[in-house]
PDB file of all heavy atoms in Angstrom:
ATOM      1  N   PHE A   1      72.060  66.907  77.657  1.00  0.00           N
ATOM      2  CA  PHE A   1      72.528  66.997  79.049  1.00  0.00           C
ATOM      3  C   PHE A   1      73.231  65.770  79.572  1.00  0.00           C
ATOM      4  O   PHE A   1      74.240  65.851  80.138  1.00  0.00           O
ATOM      5  CB  PHE A   1      71.319  67.418  79.971  1.00  0.00           C
ATOM      6  CG  PHE A   1      71.647  67.404  81.464  1.00  0.00           C
ATOM      7  CD1 PHE A   1      72.388  68.448  81.995  1.00  0.00           C
ATOM      8  CD2 PHE A   1      71.207  66.349  82.265  1.00  0.00           C
ATOM      9  CE1 PHE A   1      72.681  68.436  83.372  1.00  0.00           C
ATOM     10  CE2 PHE A   1      71.440  66.412  83.695  1.00  0.00           C
ATOM     11  CZ  PHE A   1      72.228  67.481  84.196  1.00  0.00           C
ATOM     12  N   GLU A   2      72.696  64.572  79.224  1.00  0.00           N
ATOM     13  CA  GLU A   2      73.321  63.308  79.615  1.00  0.00           C
ATOM     14  C   GLU A   2      74.595  63.204  78.961  1.00  0.00           C
ATOM     15  O   GLU A   2      75.617  62.772  79.544  1.00  0.00           O
ATOM     16  CB  GLU A   2      72.350  62.177  79.242  1.00  0.00           C
ATOM     17  CG  GLU A   2      72.904  60.853  79.639  1.00  0.00           C
ATOM     18  CD  GLU A   2      71.978  59.696  79.202  1.00  0.00           C
ATOM     19  OE1 GLU A   2      71.037  60.008  78.525  1.00  0.00           O
ATOM     20  OE2 GLU A   2      72.274  58.593  79.572  1.00  0.00           O
ATOM     21  N   ARG A   3      74.765  63.570  77.625  1.00  0.00           N
ATOM     22  CA  ARG A   3      76.046  63.413  76.993  1.00  0.00           C
ATOM     23  C   ARG A   3      77.088  64.417  77.623  1.00  0.00           C
ATOM     24  O   ARG A   3      78.187  64.039  77.718  1.00  0.00           O
ATOM     25  CB  ARG A   3      75.882  63.713  75.467  1.00  0.00           C
ATOM     26  CG  ARG A   3      77.014  63.302  74.715  1.00  0.00           C
ATOM     27  CD  ARG A   3      76.766  63.267  73.175  1.00  0.00           C
ATOM     28  NE  ARG A   3      76.190  64.533  72.674  1.00  0.00           N
ATOM     29  CZ  ARG A   3      74.939  64.719  72.199  1.00  0.00           C
ATOM     30  NH1 ARG A   3      74.174  63.607  72.304  1.00  0.00           N
ATOM     31  NH2 ARG A   3      74.550  65.827  71.744  1.00  0.00           N
ATOM     32  N   SER A   4      76.661  65.574  78.003  1.00  0.00           N
ATOM     33  CA  SER A   4      77.654  66.557  78.699  1.00  0.00           C
ATOM     34  C   SER A   4      78.057  65.896  80.048  1.00  0.00           C
ATOM     35  O   SER A   4      79.211  66.078  80.366  1.00  0.00           O
ATOM     36  CB  SER A   4      76.866  67.891  78.988  1.00  0.00           C
ATOM     37  OG  SER A   4      76.564  68.486  77.770  1.00  0.00           O
ATOM     38  N   LEU A   5      77.195  65.332  80.748  1.00  0.00           N
ATOM     39  CA  LEU A   5      77.548  64.711  82.135  1.00  0.00           C
ATOM     40  C   LEU A   5      78.633  63.623  81.803  1.00  0.00           C
ATOM     41  O   LEU A   5      79.622  63.495  82.584  1.00  0.00           O
ATOM     42  CB  LEU A   5      76.356  64.139  82.777  1.00  0.00           C
ATOM     43  CG  LEU A   5      75.378  65.046  83.413  1.00  0.00           C
ATOM     44  CD1 LEU A   5      74.227  64.410  84.037  1.00  0.00           C
ATOM     45  CD2 LEU A   5      76.107  66.031  84.442  1.00  0.00           C
ATOM     46  N   ILE A   6      78.459  62.762  80.855  1.00  0.00           N
ATOM     47  CA  ILE A   6      79.326  61.785  80.549  1.00  0.00           C
ATOM     48  C   ILE A   6      80.715  62.312  80.190  1.00  0.00           C
ATOM     49  O   ILE A   6      81.730  61.762  80.603  1.00  0.00           O
ATOM     50  CB  ILE A   6      78.782  60.752  79.404  1.00  0.00           C
ATOM     51  CG1 ILE A   6      77.600  60.033  79.878  1.00  0.00           C
ATOM     52  CG2 ILE A   6      79.795  59.929  78.850  1.00  0.00           C
ATOM     53  CD1 ILE A   6      76.847  59.361  78.781  1.00  0.00           C
ATOM     54  N   ARG A   7      80.701  63.370  79.438  1.00  0.00           N
ATOM     55  CA  ARG A   7      81.986  64.035  78.994  1.00  0.00           C
ATOM     56  C   ARG A   7      82.685  64.498  80.165  1.00  0.00           C
ATOM     57  O   ARG A   7      83.947  64.356  80.372  1.00  0.00           O
ATOM     58  CB  ARG A   7      81.715  65.147  77.929  1.00  0.00           C
ATOM     59  CG  ARG A   7      82.913  65.695  77.388  1.00  0.00           C
ATOM     60  CD  ARG A   7      82.620  66.838  76.439  1.00  0.00           C
ATOM     61  NE  ARG A   7      81.671  66.455  75.485  1.00  0.00           N
ATOM     62  CZ  ARG A   7      80.559  67.162  75.244  1.00  0.00           C
ATOM     63  NH1 ARG A   7      80.241  68.286  75.983  1.00  0.00           N
ATOM     64  NH2 ARG A   7      79.602  66.833  74.407  1.00  0.00           N
ATOM     65  N   GLU A   8      81.982  65.165  81.119  1.00  0.00           N
ATOM     66  CA  GLU A   8      82.535  65.598  82.388  1.00  0.00           C
ATOM     67  C   GLU A   8      83.143  64.549  83.269  1.00  0.00           C
ATOM     68  O   GLU A   8      84.245  64.760  83.760  1.00  0.00           O
ATOM     69  CB  GLU A   8      81.553  66.476  83.141  1.00  0.00           C
ATOM     70  CG  GLU A   8      81.189  67.895  82.548  1.00  0.00           C
ATOM     71  CD  GLU A   8      80.137  68.596  83.416  1.00  0.00           C
ATOM     72  OE1 GLU A   8      79.818  68.187  84.479  1.00  0.00           O
ATOM     73  OE2 GLU A   8      79.587  69.612  82.829  1.00  0.00           O
ATOM     74  N   ARG A   9      82.394  63.439  83.393  1.00  0.00           N
ATOM     75  CA  ARG A   9      82.834  62.362  84.234  1.00  0.00           C
ATOM     76  C   ARG A   9      84.078  61.732  83.562  1.00  0.00           C
ATOM     77  O   ARG A   9      85.031  61.393  84.333  1.00  0.00           O
ATOM     78  CB  ARG A   9      81.706  61.362  84.324  1.00  0.00           C
ATOM     79  CG  ARG A   9      80.586  61.806  85.216  1.00  0.00           C
ATOM     80  CD  ARG A   9      79.614  60.618  85.404  1.00  0.00           C
ATOM     81  NE  ARG A   9      78.354  61.125  85.802  1.00  0.00           N
ATOM     82  CZ  ARG A   9      77.251  60.815  85.437  1.00  0.00           C
ATOM     83  NH1 ARG A   9      77.061  60.001  84.314  1.00  0.00           N
ATOM     84  NH2 ARG A   9      76.084  61.308  85.944  1.00  0.00           N
ATOM     85  N   THR A  10      84.153  61.595  82.350  1.00  0.00           N
ATOM     86  CA  THR A  10      85.271  61.031  81.610  1.00  0.00           C
ATOM     87  C   THR A  10      86.488  61.873  81.913  1.00  0.00           C
ATOM     88  O   THR A  10      87.575  61.357  82.222  1.00  0.00           O
ATOM     89  CB  THR A  10      85.081  60.861  80.180  1.00  0.00           C
ATOM     90  OG1 THR A  10      83.870  59.972  79.987  1.00  0.00           O
ATOM     91  CG2 THR A  10      86.203  60.276  79.451  1.00  0.00           C
ATOM     92  N   LYS A  11      86.366  63.252  81.691  1.00  0.00           N
ATOM     93  CA  LYS A  11      87.424  64.168  81.839  1.00  0.00           C
ATOM     94  C   LYS A  11      87.968  64.043  83.366  1.00  0.00           C
ATOM     95  O   LYS A  11      89.155  64.067  83.577  1.00  0.00           O
ATOM     96  CB  LYS A  11      86.905  65.551  81.536  1.00  0.00           C
ATOM     97  CG  LYS A  11      88.096  66.567  81.549  1.00  0.00           C
ATOM     98  CD  LYS A  11      87.510  67.977  81.037  1.00  0.00           C
ATOM     99  CE  LYS A  11      88.742  68.967  81.022  1.00  0.00           C
ATOM    100  NZ  LYS A  11      88.237  70.303  80.558  1.00  0.00           N
ATOM    101  N   ALA A  12      86.952  64.003  84.256  1.00  0.00           N
ATOM    102  CA  ALA A  12      87.477  64.019  85.709  1.00  0.00           C
ATOM    103  C   ALA A  12      88.169  62.683  86.048  1.00  0.00           C
ATOM    104  O   ALA A  12      89.206  62.666  86.783  1.00  0.00           O
ATOM    105  CB  ALA A  12      86.135  64.075  86.568  1.00  0.00           C
ATOM    106  N   GLY A  13      87.708  61.586  85.406  1.00  0.00           N
ATOM    107  CA  GLY A  13      88.354  60.375  85.606  1.00  0.00           C
ATOM    108  C   GLY A  13      89.814  60.313  84.999  1.00  0.00           C
ATOM    109  O   GLY A  13      90.769  59.851  85.727  1.00  0.00           O
ATOM    110  N   LEU A  14      89.971  60.964  83.913  1.00  0.00           N
ATOM    111  CA  LEU A  14      91.360  61.120  83.212  1.00  0.00           C
ATOM    112  C   LEU A  14      92.252  61.921  84.129  1.00  0.00           C
ATOM    113  O   LEU A  14      93.347  61.677  84.388  1.00  0.00           O
ATOM    114  CB  LEU A  14      91.267  61.599  81.895  1.00  0.00           C
ATOM    115  CG  LEU A  14      90.635  60.623  80.798  1.00  0.00           C
ATOM    116  CD1 LEU A  14      90.394  61.412  79.571  1.00  0.00           C
ATOM    117  CD2 LEU A  14      91.560  59.453  80.651  1.00  0.00           C
ATOM    118  N   GLU A  15      91.664  62.981  84.652  1.00  0.00           N
ATOM    119  CA  GLU A  15      92.455  63.972  85.497  1.00  0.00           C
ATOM    120  C   GLU A  15      92.885  63.348  86.819  1.00  0.00           C
ATOM    121  O   GLU A  15      94.054  63.422  87.257  1.00  0.00           O
ATOM    122  CB  GLU A  15      91.727  65.258  85.752  1.00  0.00           C
ATOM    123  CG  GLU A  15      91.637  66.067  84.546  1.00  0.00           C
ATOM    124  CD  GLU A  15      90.723  67.327  84.766  1.00  0.00           C
ATOM    125  OE1 GLU A  15      90.077  67.449  85.936  1.00  0.00           O
ATOM    126  OE2 GLU A  15      90.565  68.092  83.882  1.00  0.00           O
ATOM    127  N   ALA A  16      91.967  62.436  87.403  1.00  0.00           N
ATOM    128  CA  ALA A  16      92.335  61.741  88.653  1.00  0.00           C
ATOM    129  C   ALA A  16      93.385  60.665  88.389  1.00  0.00           C
ATOM    130  O   ALA A  16      94.280  60.520  89.168  1.00  0.00           O
ATOM    131  CB  ALA A  16      90.985  61.116  89.189  1.00  0.00           C
ATOM    132  N   ALA A  17      93.295  59.973  87.299  1.00  0.00           N
ATOM    133  CA  ALA A  17      94.239  59.006  86.928  1.00  0.00           C
ATOM    134  C   ALA A  17      95.626  59.678  86.823  1.00  0.00           C
ATOM    135  O   ALA A  17      96.652  59.151  87.171  1.00  0.00           O
ATOM    136  CB  ALA A  17      93.897  58.267  85.651  1.00  0.00           C
ATOM    137  N   LYS A  18      95.670  60.798  86.071  1.00  0.00           N
ATOM    138  CA  LYS A  18      97.024  61.452  85.930  1.00  0.00           C
ATOM    139  C   LYS A  18      97.499  62.000  87.169  1.00  0.00           C
ATOM    140  O   LYS A  18      98.688  61.948  87.376  1.00  0.00           O
ATOM    141  CB  LYS A  18      96.623  62.727  84.866  1.00  0.00           C
ATOM    142  CG  LYS A  18      97.877  63.431  84.485  1.00  0.00           C
ATOM    143  CD  LYS A  18      97.563  64.488  83.468  1.00  0.00           C
ATOM    144  CE  LYS A  18      98.784  65.193  82.998  1.00  0.00           C
ATOM    145  NZ  LYS A  18      98.560  66.272  81.985  1.00  0.00           N
ATOM    146  N   ALA A  19      96.573  62.537  88.077  1.00  0.00           N
ATOM    147  CA  ALA A  19      97.075  62.931  89.520  1.00  0.00           C
ATOM    148  C   ALA A  19      97.738  61.736  90.136  1.00  0.00           C
ATOM    149  O   ALA A  19      98.615  62.009  91.061  1.00  0.00           O
ATOM    150  CB  ALA A  19      95.958  63.511  90.227  1.00  0.00           C
ATOM    151  N   GLN A  20      97.307  60.484  89.934  1.00  0.00           N
ATOM    152  CA  GLN A  20      97.785  59.416  90.634  1.00  0.00           C
ATOM    153  C   GLN A  20      99.020  58.889  89.884  1.00  0.00           C
ATOM    154  O   GLN A  20      99.635  57.745  90.236  1.00  0.00           O
ATOM    155  CB  GLN A  20      96.810  58.204  90.730  1.00  0.00           C
ATOM    156  CG  GLN A  20      95.568  58.592  91.636  1.00  0.00           C
ATOM    157  CD  GLN A  20      94.470  57.537  91.472  1.00  0.00           C
ATOM    158  OE1 GLN A  20      94.616  56.608  90.730  1.00  0.00           O
ATOM    159  NE2 GLN A  20      93.484  57.737  92.276  1.00  0.00           N
ATOM    160  N   GLY A  21      99.474  59.477  88.743  1.00  0.00           N
ATOM    161  CA  GLY A  21     100.738  59.129  88.111  1.00  0.00           C
ATOM    162  C   GLY A  21     100.450  58.037  86.927  1.00  0.00           C
ATOM    163  O   GLY A  21     101.432  57.686  86.351  1.00  0.00           O
ATOM    164  N   ARG A  22      99.182  57.784  86.737  1.00  0.00           N
ATOM    165  CA  ARG A  22      98.881  56.906  85.575  1.00  0.00           C
ATOM    166  C   ARG A  22      98.815  57.622  84.280  1.00  0.00           C
ATOM    167  O   ARG A  22      98.165  58.768  84.289  1.00  0.00           O
ATOM    168  CB  ARG A  22      97.807  56.035  85.880  1.00  0.00           C
ATOM    169  CG  ARG A  22      97.918  55.090  86.908  1.00  0.00           C
ATOM    170  CD  ARG A  22      96.654  54.261  87.170  1.00  0.00           C
ATOM    171  NE  ARG A  22      95.676  55.126  87.829  1.00  0.00           N
ATOM    172  CZ  ARG A  22      94.299  54.883  88.028  1.00  0.00           C
ATOM    173  NH1 ARG A  22      93.995  53.706  87.506  1.00  0.00           N
ATOM    174  NH2 ARG A  22      93.539  55.653  88.507  1.00  0.00           N
ATOM    175  N   THR A  23      99.361  57.121  83.277  1.00  0.00           N
ATOM    176  CA  THR A  23      99.169  57.793  81.939  1.00  0.00           C
ATOM    177  C   THR A  23      98.494  56.845  81.031  1.00  0.00           C
ATOM    178  O   THR A  23      98.663  55.637  81.109  1.00  0.00           O
ATOM    179  CB  THR A  23     100.527  58.274  81.426  1.00  0.00           C
ATOM    180  OG1 THR A  23     101.346  57.146  81.286  1.00  0.00           O
ATOM    181  CG2 THR A  23     101.245  59.283  82.183  1.00  0.00           C
ATOM    182  N   GLY A  24      97.781  57.461  79.990  1.00  0.00           N
ATOM    183  CA  GLY A  24      97.142  56.529  79.083  1.00  0.00           C
ATOM    184  C   GLY A  24      98.017  56.435  77.791  1.00  0.00           C
ATOM    185  O   GLY A  24      99.083  56.892  77.729  1.00  0.00           O
ATOM    186  N   GLY A  25      97.445  55.715  76.872  1.00  0.00           N
ATOM    187  CA  GLY A  25      98.105  55.483  75.636  1.00  0.00           C
ATOM    188  C   GLY A  25      98.967  54.338  75.741  1.00  0.00           C
ATOM    189  O   GLY A  25      99.100  53.512  76.647  1.00  0.00           O
TER     190      GLY A  25
END
């Protein structure tokens, strides 16, 4: 369960960064 929460938070953080115009890599 904890690992699933971490995965969801990471995904949400990446989506928020993308919405702000930031890209990774």
